[in-house]
Amino acid sequence: MPNTIVTPTMIARESLMILKGALVAAGLFYRDHELEFGDSLQKGDTIHIRKPAAFVADEFSGTTNIQNISESKVPLTLDKHF
């Protein structure tokens, strides 16, 4: 019976298959906006992140109070590239 020599390429290929099967966190992130930004962002670019509207909870006194919706944006400068 001939010997089977394990090469670093075979080890790396098998390790990559095991690693892909063990990835959990990547499937938990919302990635639908990935095409909107993609690889076009560079270091120094500024993006705007929407903040959700904030409402005040008042005690119910028989009538409802209408509150205005005001969403805001926060600028984020990409100053580091990992």
C-alpha atoms as a PDB file:
ATOM      1  CA  MET A   1       0.000   0.000   0.000  1.00  0.00           C
ATOM      2  CA  PRO A   2       1.529   3.358  -0.982  1.00  0.00           C
ATOM      3  CA  ASN A   3       1.920   6.138   1.525  1.00  0.00           C
ATOM      4  CA  THR A   4      -0.401   9.151   1.338  1.00  0.00           C
ATOM      5  CA  ILE A   5       1.496  12.370   1.906  1.00  0.00           C
ATOM      6  CA  VAL A   6      -0.478  15.208   3.452  1.00  0.00           C
ATOM      7  CA  THR A   7       0.552  18.541   1.980  1.00  0.00           C
ATOM      8  CA  PRO A   8      -0.030  21.995   3.486  1.00  0.00           C
ATOM      9  CA  THR A   9      -2.517  22.707   0.690  1.00  0.00           C
ATOM     10  CA  MET A  10      -4.635  19.731   1.667  1.00  0.00           C
ATOM     11  CA  ILE A  11      -4.540  20.744   5.332  1.00  0.00           C
ATOM     12  CA  ALA A  12      -5.511  24.339   4.491  1.00  0.00           C
ATOM     13  CA  ARG A  13      -8.364  23.213   2.236  1.00  0.00           C
ATOM     14  CA  GLU A  14      -9.798  20.902   4.895  1.00  0.00           C
ATOM     15  CA  SER A  15      -9.347  23.546   7.608  1.00  0.00           C
ATOM     16  CA  LEU A  16     -11.188  26.119   5.502  1.00  0.00           C
ATOM     17  CA  MET A  17     -14.142  23.759   5.051  1.00  0.00           C
ATOM     18  CA  ILE A  18     -14.275  23.166   8.821  1.00  0.00           C
ATOM     19  CA  LEU A  19     -14.029  26.913   9.510  1.00  0.00           C
ATOM     20  CA  LYS A  20     -16.860  27.788   7.107  1.00  0.00           C
ATOM     21  CA  GLY A  21     -19.057  25.202   8.786  1.00  0.00           C
ATOM     22  CA  ALA A  22     -18.314  26.617  12.231  1.00  0.00           C
ATOM     23  CA  LEU A  23     -19.089  30.270  11.425  1.00  0.00           C
ATOM     24  CA  VAL A  24     -22.161  31.364  13.336  1.00  0.00           C
ATOM     25  CA  ALA A  25     -21.899  35.135  13.792  1.00  0.00           C
ATOM     26  CA  ALA A  26     -21.779  35.933  10.070  1.00  0.00           C
ATOM     27  CA  GLY A  27     -25.265  34.545   9.600  1.00  0.00           C
ATOM     28  CA  LEU A  28     -26.701  36.659  12.427  1.00  0.00           C
ATOM     29  CA  PHE A  29     -25.944  40.083  10.927  1.00  0.00           C
ATOM     30  CA  TYR A  30     -28.325  42.045   8.722  1.00  0.00           C
ATOM     31  CA  ARG A  31     -26.504  42.373   5.412  1.00  0.00           C
ATOM     32  CA  ASP A  32     -29.152  43.639   2.981  1.00  0.00           C
ATOM     33  CA  HIS A  33     -27.500  47.064   2.694  1.00  0.00           C
ATOM     34  CA  GLU A  34     -24.162  45.536   1.749  1.00  0.00           C
ATOM     35  CA  LEU A  35     -24.747  46.208  -1.957  1.00  0.00           C
ATOM     36  CA  GLU A  36     -25.475  49.858  -1.206  1.00  0.00           C
ATOM     37  CA  PHE A  37     -22.007  50.423   0.225  1.00  0.00           C
ATOM     38  CA  GLY A  38     -19.980  47.444  -0.947  1.00  0.00           C
ATOM     39  CA  ASP A  39     -16.315  48.113  -1.618  1.00  0.00           C
ATOM     40  CA  SER A  40     -16.913  51.716  -2.685  1.00  0.00           C
ATOM     41  CA  LEU A  41     -16.228  53.147   0.783  1.00  0.00           C
ATOM     42  CA  GLN A  42     -12.706  54.300   1.431  1.00  0.00           C
ATOM     43  CA  LYS A  43     -10.843  55.544   4.476  1.00  0.00           C
ATOM     44  CA  GLY A  44     -11.921  59.111   5.224  1.00  0.00           C
ATOM     45  CA  ASP A  45     -15.452  58.755   3.789  1.00  0.00           C
ATOM     46  CA  THR A  46     -18.390  59.837   5.912  1.00  0.00           C
ATOM     47  CA  ILE A  47     -21.605  57.862   6.184  1.00  0.00           C
ATOM     48  CA  HIS A  48     -24.789  58.851   8.009  1.00  0.00           C
ATOM     49  CA  ILE A  49     -26.396  56.422  10.424  1.00  0.00           C
ATOM     50  CA  ARG A  50     -30.099  56.872  11.140  1.00  0.00           C
ATOM     51  CA  LYS A  51     -31.172  57.011  14.766  1.00  0.00           C
ATOM     52  CA  PRO A  52     -34.654  55.686  15.528  1.00  0.00           C
ATOM     53  CA  ALA A  53     -37.359  58.098  16.594  1.00  0.00           C
ATOM     54  CA  ALA A  54     -37.764  58.563  20.333  1.00  0.00           C
ATOM     55  CA  PHE A  55     -41.176  58.798  21.955  1.00  0.00           C
ATOM     56  CA  VAL A  56     -42.283  59.771  25.445  1.00  0.00           C
ATOM     57  CA  ALA A  57     -44.612  57.460  27.360  1.00  0.00           C
ATOM     58  CA  ASP A  58     -47.210  59.536  29.186  1.00  0.00           C
ATOM     59  CA  GLU A  59     -49.715  58.164  31.648  1.00  0.00           C
ATOM     60  CA  PHE A  60     -53.094  57.687  29.974  1.00  0.00           C
ATOM     61  CA  SER A  61     -55.595  60.307  31.124  1.00  0.00           C
ATOM     62  CA  GLY A  62     -58.504  59.547  28.782  1.00  0.00           C
ATOM     63  CA  THR A  63     -57.096  61.273  25.709  1.00  0.00           C
ATOM     64  CA  THR A  64     -54.151  60.494  23.529  1.00  0.00           C
ATOM     65  CA  ASN A  65     -51.325  62.912  22.884  1.00  0.00           C
ATOM     66  CA  ILE A  66     -50.010  62.976  19.336  1.00  0.00           C
ATOM     67  CA  GLN A  67     -46.238  63.138  19.199  1.00  0.00           C
ATOM     68  CA  ASN A  68     -44.181  64.287  16.260  1.00  0.00           C
ATOM     69  CA  ILE A  69     -41.811  61.817  14.696  1.00  0.00           C
ATOM     70  CA  SER A  70     -38.329  63.193  14.265  1.00  0.00           C
ATOM     71  CA  GLU A  71     -35.618  60.907  13.030  1.00  0.00           C
ATOM     72  CA  SER A  72     -32.066  62.132  13.105  1.00  0.00           C
ATOM     73  CA  LYS A  73     -28.813  61.084  11.535  1.00  0.00           C
ATOM     74  CA  VAL A  74     -25.371  60.770  13.054  1.00  0.00           C
ATOM     75  CA  PRO A  75     -22.328  61.245  10.803  1.00  0.00           C
ATOM     76  CA  LEU A  76     -19.654  58.580  11.063  1.00  0.00           C
ATOM     77  CA  THR A  77     -16.247  59.111   9.486  1.00  0.00           C
ATOM     78  CA  LEU A  78     -14.406  55.982   8.476  1.00  0.00           C
ATOM     79  CA  ASP A  79     -10.997  56.832   9.884  1.00  0.00           C
ATOM     80  CA  LYS A  80      -9.746  53.282  10.368  1.00  0.00           C
ATOM     81  CA  HIS A  81      -9.662  50.425   7.910  1.00  0.00           C
ATOM     82  CA  PHE A  82      -9.354  46.951   9.388  1.00  0.00           C
END
